[in-house]
Amino acid sequence: MSAPVQHSVAVEGGVATITFNRPQAYNALTADLIESLIETLGALERDASARAIVITGEGKGFCAGQALDDPRVMNADVATDIAATVERRYNPLILKLLTMEKPIVAAVNGVAAGAGMGIACACDFRIVADTASFTTAFVKIGLVPDSGTSLTLPRIVGYAKALELCILSEKIDAARADALGLCTKVVPAERCLVEAQEFAATLARGPRAIGLIKRELAHNGLGSIREALAYEAEMQAIAAQTADFAEGVAAFTEKRAPKFQGR
């Protein structure tokens, strides 16, 4: 039996819109969703009718990051599976977002947390609802940033702010995100997807040079992209073996504050 596809795709006027379709979980990422998303992006990369891409979430959230109830990841050997998920799923996904020639616009309609924030940062542009928010989230469960965050966030906001956002893991509202440079544009919540699609449509009507510019910039940093993703996987493998990670997941599941011991 094939795994359920947890996102939808629609192409209109040169713009492909990918919508995460797990609104009951704020579009948290399962292994099935990530794998199907990689396949979709590969197909769109080859589809001449899709000249720009919009990524958004159904319901109130853009993406809440890794689903901590995904049985394909969070099982008896969770530490091993977390590391494998980063290396085999997140890294190929982020590499595709960063290197494919077609411009990608995140329509951040709600919370973007953890890997969800990583995906938003890996997109080329971010049209953000005025009610949306960002948080790196990883440290809250005893993990380190992955999904390209260690590379993209410092490039967007600078090293000092990226370190602050990753370690403190505060909730960043749309106004602060805009001030930090995370947003291409902040728009009324009800206009988020439409504004993102209109922005993408403008890109879709542009010359091929738009894709080549992205390719050029990605090529110049491709070594650091691959190295950063590989190092994220290595650090996450270490973090996933800690007692603090086990405590972080338990606290999240039990809806209480974690009691970390630094080990």
C-alpha atoms as a PDB file:
ATOM      1  CA  MET A   1       0.000   0.000   0.000  1.00  0.00           C
ATOM      2  CA  SER A   2       1.462   3.372  -1.035  1.00  0.00           C
ATOM      3  CA  ALA A   3       2.093   6.067   1.552  1.00  0.00           C
ATOM      4  CA  PRO A   4      -0.451   8.891   1.651  1.00  0.00           C
ATOM      5  CA  VAL A   5       0.503  12.102  -0.125  1.00  0.00           C
ATOM      6  CA  GLN A   6       0.236  14.882   2.423  1.00  0.00           C
ATOM      7  CA  HIS A   7       0.485  17.877   0.119  1.00  0.00           C
ATOM      8  CA  SER A   8      -1.277  19.171  -2.966  1.00  0.00           C
ATOM      9  CA  VAL A   9       0.074  20.775  -6.138  1.00  0.00           C
ATOM     10  CA  ALA A  10      -1.651  23.124  -8.579  1.00  0.00           C
ATOM     11  CA  VAL A  11      -0.106  24.900 -11.585  1.00  0.00           C
ATOM     12  CA  GLU A  12      -1.705  28.025 -13.006  1.00  0.00           C
ATOM     13  CA  GLY A  13      -0.290  30.891 -15.038  1.00  0.00           C
ATOM     14  CA  GLY A  14       3.252  29.595 -14.770  1.00  0.00           C
ATOM     15  CA  VAL A  15       3.089  29.321 -10.962  1.00  0.00           C
ATOM     16  CA  ALA A  16       3.067  25.984  -9.146  1.00  0.00           C
ATOM     17  CA  THR A  17       1.541  26.154  -5.676  1.00  0.00           C
ATOM     18  CA  ILE A  18       2.514  23.415  -3.220  1.00  0.00           C
ATOM     19  CA  THR A  19       0.295  23.247  -0.135  1.00  0.00           C
ATOM     20  CA  PHE A  20       1.167  21.200   2.942  1.00  0.00           C
ATOM     21  CA  ASN A  21      -2.034  19.389   3.887  1.00  0.00           C
ATOM     22  CA  ARG A  22      -1.765  18.416   7.559  1.00  0.00           C
ATOM     23  CA  PRO A  23      -3.648  21.349   9.099  1.00  0.00           C
ATOM     24  CA  GLN A  24      -4.627  19.372  12.194  1.00  0.00           C
ATOM     25  CA  ALA A  25      -0.898  19.169  13.043  1.00  0.00           C
ATOM     26  CA  TYR A  26       0.039  22.658  11.797  1.00  0.00           C
ATOM     27  CA  ASN A  27       1.552  20.873   8.797  1.00  0.00           C
ATOM     28  CA  ALA A  28       4.246  19.114  10.806  1.00  0.00           C
ATOM     29  CA  LEU A  29       6.557  17.125   8.564  1.00  0.00           C
ATOM     30  CA  THR A  30       6.358  13.359   8.324  1.00  0.00           C
ATOM     31  CA  ALA A  31       8.772  11.131   6.429  1.00  0.00           C
ATOM     32  CA  ASP A  32       6.023  10.537   3.863  1.00  0.00           C
ATOM     33  CA  LEU A  33       5.493  14.260   3.363  1.00  0.00           C
ATOM     34  CA  ILE A  34       9.191  15.065   2.954  1.00  0.00           C
ATOM     35  CA  GLU A  35       9.782  12.226   0.504  1.00  0.00           C
ATOM     36  CA  SER A  36       6.772  13.137  -1.617  1.00  0.00           C
ATOM     37  CA  LEU A  37       7.763  16.817  -1.515  1.00  0.00           C
ATOM     38  CA  ILE A  38      11.225  15.990  -2.886  1.00  0.00           C
ATOM     39  CA  GLU A  39       9.573  14.042  -5.714  1.00  0.00           C
ATOM     40  CA  THR A  40       7.196  16.927  -6.442  1.00  0.00           C
ATOM     41  CA  LEU A  41      10.015  19.466  -6.593  1.00  0.00           C
ATOM     42  CA  GLY A  42      11.932  17.198  -8.952  1.00  0.00           C
ATOM     43  CA  ALA A  43       8.898  16.922 -11.221  1.00  0.00           C
ATOM     44  CA  LEU A  44       8.320  20.685 -11.167  1.00  0.00           C
ATOM     45  CA  GLU A  45      11.972  21.288 -11.967  1.00  0.00           C
ATOM     46  CA  ARG A  46      11.378  19.391 -15.232  1.00  0.00           C
ATOM     47  CA  ASP A  47       7.949  20.930 -15.925  1.00  0.00           C
ATOM     48  CA  ALA A  48       8.297  23.809 -18.392  1.00  0.00           C
ATOM     49  CA  SER A  49       4.802  25.081 -17.531  1.00  0.00           C
ATOM     50  CA  ALA A  50       5.895  25.805 -13.946  1.00  0.00           C
ATOM     51  CA  ARG A  51       8.279  28.761 -13.993  1.00  0.00           C
ATOM     52  CA  ALA A  52       7.994  29.750 -10.338  1.00  0.00           C
ATOM     53  CA  ILE A  53       6.918  27.898  -7.188  1.00  0.00           C
ATOM     54  CA  VAL A  54       4.943  28.909  -4.103  1.00  0.00           C
ATOM     55  CA  ILE A  55       5.032  26.813  -0.924  1.00  0.00           C
ATOM     56  CA  THR A  56       2.397  27.310   1.770  1.00  0.00           C
ATOM     57  CA  GLY A  57       0.453  25.471   4.451  1.00  0.00           C
ATOM     58  CA  GLU A  58      -3.204  24.606   4.808  1.00  0.00           C
ATOM     59  CA  GLY A  59      -5.000  26.047   7.831  1.00  0.00           C
ATOM     60  CA  LYS A  60      -3.389  28.147  10.552  1.00  0.00           C
ATOM     61  CA  GLY A  61       0.211  27.002  10.227  1.00  0.00           C
ATOM     62  CA  PHE A  62       2.900  27.174   7.554  1.00  0.00           C
ATOM     63  CA  CYS A  63       4.845  24.247   9.005  1.00  0.00           C
ATOM     64  CA  ALA A  64       5.495  23.237  12.612  1.00  0.00           C
ATOM     65  CA  GLY A  65       8.664  21.278  11.815  1.00  0.00           C
ATOM     66  CA  GLN A  66       9.270  17.580  12.306  1.00  0.00           C
ATOM     67  CA  ALA A  67       6.221  15.608  13.449  1.00  0.00           C
ATOM     68  CA  LEU A  68       7.226  14.117  16.787  1.00  0.00           C
ATOM     69  CA  ASP A  69       4.531  11.468  16.460  1.00  0.00           C
ATOM     70  CA  ASP A  70       5.698  10.113  13.085  1.00  0.00           C
ATOM     71  CA  PRO A  71       6.203   6.364  13.625  1.00  0.00           C
ATOM     72  CA  ARG A  72       8.735   6.218  10.773  1.00  0.00           C
ATOM     73  CA  VAL A  73      11.047   8.497  12.756  1.00  0.00           C
ATOM     74  CA  MET A  74      10.026   8.517  16.416  1.00  0.00           C
ATOM     75  CA  ASN A  75      10.297   4.826  17.249  1.00  0.00           C
ATOM     76  CA  ALA A  76      12.436   2.673  19.538  1.00  0.00           C
ATOM     77  CA  ASP A  77      15.642   3.691  17.752  1.00  0.00           C
ATOM     78  CA  VAL A  78      14.690   7.368  17.617  1.00  0.00           C
ATOM     79  CA  ALA A  79      18.230   8.754  17.839  1.00  0.00           C
ATOM     80  CA  THR A  80      19.358   6.789  14.795  1.00  0.00           C
ATOM     81  CA  ASP A  81      16.222   7.658  12.861  1.00  0.00           C
ATOM     82  CA  ILE A  82      16.511  11.392  13.611  1.00  0.00           C
ATOM     83  CA  ALA A  83      20.038  11.399  12.180  1.00  0.00           C
ATOM     84  CA  ALA A  84      18.940   9.368   9.159  1.00  0.00           C
ATOM     85  CA  THR A  85      15.979  11.679   8.571  1.00  0.00           C
ATOM     86  CA  VAL A  86      18.275  14.696   8.450  1.00  0.00           C
ATOM     87  CA  GLU A  87      20.747  13.037   6.094  1.00  0.00           C
ATOM     88  CA  ARG A  88      18.348  11.174   3.789  1.00  0.00           C
ATOM     89  CA  ARG A  89      15.315  13.474   3.764  1.00  0.00           C
ATOM     90  CA  TYR A  90      15.933  17.026   4.977  1.00  0.00           C
ATOM     91  CA  ASN A  91      19.305  17.457   3.313  1.00  0.00           C
ATOM     92  CA  PRO A  92      18.097  16.478  -0.194  1.00  0.00           C
ATOM     93  CA  LEU A  93      14.992  18.651   0.271  1.00  0.00           C
ATOM     94  CA  ILE A  94      16.940  21.749   1.311  1.00  0.00           C
ATOM     95  CA  LEU A  95      19.578  21.189  -1.374  1.00  0.00           C
ATOM     96  CA  LYS A  96      16.821  21.070  -3.994  1.00  0.00           C
ATOM     97  CA  LEU A  97      15.192  24.268  -2.707  1.00  0.00           C
ATOM     98  CA  LEU A  98      18.499  26.119  -2.672  1.00  0.00           C
ATOM     99  CA  THR A  99      19.840  24.960  -6.030  1.00  0.00           C
ATOM    100  CA  MET A 100      16.952  24.462  -8.472  1.00  0.00           C
ATOM    101  CA  GLU A 101      16.847  27.235 -11.063  1.00  0.00           C
ATOM    102  CA  LYS A 102      13.201  28.157 -10.560  1.00  0.00           C
ATOM    103  CA  PRO A 103      12.453  30.874  -7.983  1.00  0.00           C
ATOM    104  CA  ILE A 104      10.632  29.638  -4.886  1.00  0.00           C
ATOM    105  CA  VAL A 105       8.368  31.817  -2.746  1.00  0.00           C
ATOM    106  CA  ALA A 106       7.277  30.818   0.756  1.00  0.00           C
ATOM    107  CA  ALA A 107       3.765  32.052   1.603  1.00  0.00           C
ATOM    108  CA  VAL A 108       4.214  31.966   5.379  1.00  0.00           C
ATOM    109  CA  ASN A 109       0.569  31.942   6.432  1.00  0.00           C
ATOM    110  CA  GLY A 110       1.128  30.970  10.070  1.00  0.00           C
ATOM    111  CA  VAL A 111       3.713  29.557  12.446  1.00  0.00           C
ATOM    112  CA  ALA A 112       6.982  28.392  10.886  1.00  0.00           C
ATOM    113  CA  ALA A 113       8.874  26.400  13.519  1.00  0.00           C
ATOM    114  CA  GLY A 114      11.980  24.246  13.505  1.00  0.00           C
ATOM    115  CA  ALA A 115      12.371  22.597  10.116  1.00  0.00           C
ATOM    116  CA  GLY A 116       9.375  24.642   8.972  1.00  0.00           C
ATOM    117  CA  MET A 117      11.401  27.794   9.548  1.00  0.00           C
ATOM    118  CA  GLY A 118      14.316  26.085   7.814  1.00  0.00           C
ATOM    119  CA  ILE A 119      12.189  25.451   4.732  1.00  0.00           C
ATOM    120  CA  ALA A 120      10.984  29.070   4.711  1.00  0.00           C
ATOM    121  CA  CYS A 121      14.572  30.298   4.937  1.00  0.00           C
ATOM    122  CA  ALA A 122      15.642  27.964   2.118  1.00  0.00           C
ATOM    123  CA  CYS A 123      13.048  29.538  -0.180  1.00  0.00           C
ATOM    124  CA  ASP A 124      14.208  32.517  -2.219  1.00  0.00           C
ATOM    125  CA  PHE A 125      11.496  34.898  -1.013  1.00  0.00           C
ATOM    126  CA  ARG A 126       9.125  34.994   1.956  1.00  0.00           C
ATOM    127  CA  ILE A 127       5.706  36.648   1.767  1.00  0.00           C
ATOM    128  CA  VAL A 128       4.600  36.655   5.402  1.00  0.00           C
ATOM    129  CA  ALA A 129       1.151  37.054   6.952  1.00  0.00           C
ATOM    130  CA  ASP A 130       0.997  39.780   9.586  1.00  0.00           C
ATOM    131  CA  THR A 131      -0.254  37.140  12.037  1.00  0.00           C
ATOM    132  CA  ALA A 132       2.530  34.634  11.274  1.00  0.00           C
ATOM    133  CA  SER A 133       5.477  33.841  13.503  1.00  0.00           C
ATOM    134  CA  PHE A 134       8.849  32.090  13.379  1.00  0.00           C
ATOM    135  CA  THR A 135      10.822  30.099  15.918  1.00  0.00           C
ATOM    136  CA  THR A 136      13.903  27.942  15.522  1.00  0.00           C
ATOM    137  CA  ALA A 137      12.509  25.552  18.186  1.00  0.00           C
ATOM    138  CA  PHE A 138      15.272  22.899  18.030  1.00  0.00           C
ATOM    139  CA  VAL A 139      16.924  23.738  21.349  1.00  0.00           C
ATOM    140  CA  LYS A 140      13.555  23.399  23.101  1.00  0.00           C
ATOM    141  CA  ILE A 141      13.808  19.624  22.700  1.00  0.00           C
ATOM    142  CA  GLY A 142      17.586  19.398  23.061  1.00  0.00           C
ATOM    143  CA  LEU A 143      18.506  19.329  19.367  1.00  0.00           C
ATOM    144  CA  VAL A 144      20.568  21.558  17.071  1.00  0.00           C
ATOM    145  CA  PRO A 145      19.293  23.405  13.990  1.00  0.00           C
ATOM    146  CA  ASP A 146      19.036  21.373  10.808  1.00  0.00           C
ATOM    147  CA  SER A 147      17.104  21.776   7.521  1.00  0.00           C
ATOM    148  CA  GLY A 148      19.784  24.194   6.350  1.00  0.00           C
ATOM    149  CA  THR A 149      19.101  26.673   9.145  1.00  0.00           C
ATOM    150  CA  SER A 150      22.757  26.890  10.216  1.00  0.00           C
ATOM    151  CA  LEU A 151      23.586  28.078   6.698  1.00  0.00           C
ATOM    152  CA  THR A 152      20.594  30.133   5.608  1.00  0.00           C
ATOM    153  CA  LEU A 153      19.718  31.977   8.818  1.00  0.00           C
ATOM    154  CA  PRO A 154      23.149  33.627   9.303  1.00  0.00           C
ATOM    155  CA  ARG A 155      23.094  34.624   5.638  1.00  0.00           C
ATOM    156  CA  ILE A 156      19.724  36.310   6.091  1.00  0.00           C
ATOM    157  CA  VAL A 157      20.045  37.958   9.521  1.00  0.00           C
ATOM    158  CA  GLY A 158      23.779  37.820  10.289  1.00  0.00           C
ATOM    159  CA  TYR A 159      25.769  35.583  12.643  1.00  0.00           C
ATOM    160  CA  ALA A 160      24.994  37.335  15.928  1.00  0.00           C
ATOM    161  CA  LYS A 161      21.233  37.402  15.422  1.00  0.00           C
ATOM    162  CA  ALA A 162      21.204  33.846  14.057  1.00  0.00           C
ATOM    163  CA  LEU A 163      23.033  32.623  17.179  1.00  0.00           C
ATOM    164  CA  GLU A 164      20.546  34.497  19.362  1.00  0.00           C
ATOM    165  CA  LEU A 165      17.519  33.100  17.511  1.00  0.00           C
ATOM    166  CA  CYS A 166      18.859  29.544  17.616  1.00  0.00           C
ATOM    167  CA  ILE A 167      19.895  29.507  21.287  1.00  0.00           C
ATOM    168  CA  LEU A 168      17.043  31.542  22.798  1.00  0.00           C
ATOM    169  CA  SER A 169      14.478  30.091  20.387  1.00  0.00           C
ATOM    170  CA  GLU A 170      12.053  32.929  21.004  1.00  0.00           C
ATOM    171  CA  LYS A 171       8.831  33.414  19.090  1.00  0.00           C
ATOM    172  CA  ILE A 172       9.419  36.025  16.404  1.00  0.00           C
ATOM    173  CA  ASP A 173       6.296  37.832  15.248  1.00  0.00           C
ATOM    174  CA  ALA A 174       5.943  39.135  11.704  1.00  0.00           C
ATOM    175  CA  ALA A 175       6.956  42.688  12.586  1.00  0.00           C
ATOM    176  CA  ARG A 176      10.214  41.584  14.231  1.00  0.00           C
ATOM    177  CA  ALA A 177      10.871  39.075  11.449  1.00  0.00           C
ATOM    178  CA  ASP A 178      10.516  41.905   8.956  1.00  0.00           C
ATOM    179  CA  ALA A 179      12.913  44.098  10.926  1.00  0.00           C
ATOM    180  CA  LEU A 180      15.435  41.237  10.999  1.00  0.00           C
ATOM    181  CA  GLY A 181      15.238  40.871   7.213  1.00  0.00           C
ATOM    182  CA  LEU A 182      13.430  37.531   7.186  1.00  0.00           C
ATOM    183  CA  CYS A 183      10.491  38.856   5.164  1.00  0.00           C
ATOM    184  CA  THR A 184      10.337  39.931   1.566  1.00  0.00           C
ATOM    185  CA  LYS A 185       6.962  41.495   2.359  1.00  0.00           C
ATOM    186  CA  VAL A 186       4.471  41.404   5.239  1.00  0.00           C
ATOM    187  CA  VAL A 187       0.833  41.330   4.146  1.00  0.00           C
ATOM    188  CA  PRO A 188      -2.625  40.960   5.728  1.00  0.00           C
ATOM    189  CA  ALA A 189      -3.181  37.329   6.682  1.00  0.00           C
ATOM    190  CA  GLU A 190      -6.118  36.858   4.333  1.00  0.00           C
ATOM    191  CA  ARG A 191      -3.962  38.061   1.418  1.00  0.00           C
ATOM    192  CA  CYS A 192      -0.872  35.958   2.119  1.00  0.00           C
ATOM    193  CA  LEU A 193      -1.289  33.237  -0.504  1.00  0.00           C
ATOM    194  CA  VAL A 194      -2.700  35.572  -3.163  1.00  0.00           C
ATOM    195  CA  GLU A 195       0.148  38.050  -2.671  1.00  0.00           C
ATOM    196  CA  ALA A 196       2.701  35.239  -2.850  1.00  0.00           C
ATOM    197  CA  GLN A 197       1.152  33.884  -6.048  1.00  0.00           C
ATOM    198  CA  GLU A 198       1.050  37.338  -7.615  1.00  0.00           C
ATOM    199  CA  PHE A 199       4.691  37.891  -6.670  1.00  0.00           C
ATOM    200  CA  ALA A 200       5.607  34.475  -8.109  1.00  0.00           C
ATOM    201  CA  ALA A 201       3.660  35.246 -11.282  1.00  0.00           C
ATOM    202  CA  THR A 202       5.832  38.327 -11.807  1.00  0.00           C
ATOM    203  CA  LEU A 203       8.916  36.133 -11.494  1.00  0.00           C
ATOM    204  CA  ALA A 204       7.376  33.557 -13.838  1.00  0.00           C
ATOM    205  CA  ARG A 205       7.016  36.216 -16.534  1.00  0.00           C
ATOM    206  CA  GLY A 206      10.687  37.168 -16.231  1.00  0.00           C
ATOM    207  CA  PRO A 207      13.636  36.001 -18.324  1.00  0.00           C
ATOM    208  CA  ARG A 208      15.513  32.775 -17.863  1.00  0.00           C
ATOM    209  CA  ALA A 209      18.225  34.944 -16.321  1.00  0.00           C
ATOM    210  CA  ILE A 210      16.228  34.831 -13.059  1.00  0.00           C
ATOM    211  CA  GLY A 211      16.878  31.115 -12.745  1.00  0.00           C
ATOM    212  CA  LEU A 212      20.451  31.547 -13.896  1.00  0.00           C
ATOM    213  CA  ILE A 213      21.064  34.207 -11.247  1.00  0.00           C
ATOM    214  CA  LYS A 214      19.889  31.773  -8.586  1.00  0.00           C
ATOM    215  CA  ARG A 215      22.039  29.033 -10.121  1.00  0.00           C
ATOM    216  CA  GLU A 216      25.035  31.378 -10.182  1.00  0.00           C
ATOM    217  CA  LEU A 217      24.709  32.363  -6.523  1.00  0.00           C
ATOM    218  CA  ALA A 218      24.055  28.761  -5.481  1.00  0.00           C
ATOM    219  CA  HIS A 219      27.039  27.516  -7.488  1.00  0.00           C
ATOM    220  CA  ASN A 220      29.352  30.006  -5.820  1.00  0.00           C
ATOM    221  CA  GLY A 221      28.269  28.697  -2.419  1.00  0.00           C
ATOM    222  CA  LEU A 222      27.580  25.065  -3.355  1.00  0.00           C
ATOM    223  CA  GLY A 223      30.559  23.691  -1.455  1.00  0.00           C
ATOM    224  CA  SER A 224      29.498  25.456   1.718  1.00  0.00           C
ATOM    225  CA  ILE A 225      25.879  24.341   1.198  1.00  0.00           C
ATOM    226  CA  ARG A 226      26.836  20.668   1.000  1.00  0.00           C
ATOM    227  CA  GLU A 227      29.313  20.997   3.845  1.00  0.00           C
ATOM    228  CA  ALA A 228      26.795  22.786   6.047  1.00  0.00           C
ATOM    229  CA  LEU A 229      24.109  20.161   5.459  1.00  0.00           C
ATOM    230  CA  ALA A 230      26.547  17.321   6.147  1.00  0.00           C
ATOM    231  CA  TYR A 231      27.751  18.994   9.350  1.00  0.00           C
ATOM    232  CA  GLU A 232      24.167  19.593  10.493  1.00  0.00           C
ATOM    233  CA  ALA A 233      23.516  15.860  10.121  1.00  0.00           C
ATOM    234  CA  GLU A 234      26.675  15.080  12.128  1.00  0.00           C
ATOM    235  CA  MET A 235      25.769  17.471  14.947  1.00  0.00           C
ATOM    236  CA  GLN A 236      22.155  16.288  15.004  1.00  0.00           C
ATOM    237  CA  ALA A 237      23.334  12.694  15.314  1.00  0.00           C
ATOM    238  CA  ILE A 238      25.256  13.687  18.452  1.00  0.00           C
ATOM    239  CA  ALA A 239      22.387  15.753  19.880  1.00  0.00           C
ATOM    240  CA  ALA A 240      19.889  12.957  19.239  1.00  0.00           C
ATOM    241  CA  GLN A 241      21.938  10.609  21.454  1.00  0.00           C
ATOM    242  CA  THR A 242      21.752  12.890  24.504  1.00  0.00           C
ATOM    243  CA  ALA A 243      19.605  12.403  27.563  1.00  0.00           C
ATOM    244  CA  ASP A 244      18.423  15.977  27.099  1.00  0.00           C
ATOM    245  CA  PHE A 245      16.837  15.109  23.759  1.00  0.00           C
ATOM    246  CA  ALA A 246      14.938  12.212  25.340  1.00  0.00           C
ATOM    247  CA  GLU A 247      13.778  14.580  28.081  1.00  0.00           C
ATOM    248  CA  GLY A 248      12.839  17.232  25.523  1.00  0.00           C
ATOM    249  CA  VAL A 249      10.616  14.846  23.574  1.00  0.00           C
ATOM    250  CA  ALA A 250       9.041  13.511  26.770  1.00  0.00           C
ATOM    251  CA  ALA A 251       8.323  17.041  27.987  1.00  0.00           C
ATOM    252  CA  PHE A 252       6.841  18.020  24.625  1.00  0.00           C
ATOM    253  CA  THR A 253       4.592  14.951  24.625  1.00  0.00           C
ATOM    254  CA  GLU A 254       3.524  15.554  28.230  1.00  0.00           C
ATOM    255  CA  LYS A 255       3.030  19.307  27.604  1.00  0.00           C
ATOM    256  CA  ARG A 256       5.396  20.414  30.370  1.00  0.00           C
ATOM    257  CA  ALA A 257       8.643  22.355  30.614  1.00  0.00           C
ATOM    258  CA  PRO A 258      11.719  20.156  30.053  1.00  0.00           C
ATOM    259  CA  LYS A 259      14.283  19.622  32.813  1.00  0.00           C
ATOM    260  CA  PHE A 260      17.573  19.566  30.958  1.00  0.00           C
ATOM    261  CA  GLN A 261      20.750  18.390  32.703  1.00  0.00           C
ATOM    262  CA  GLY A 262      23.306  19.301  30.055  1.00  0.00           C
ATOM    263  CA  ARG A 263      24.108  15.725  29.120  1.00  0.00           C
END
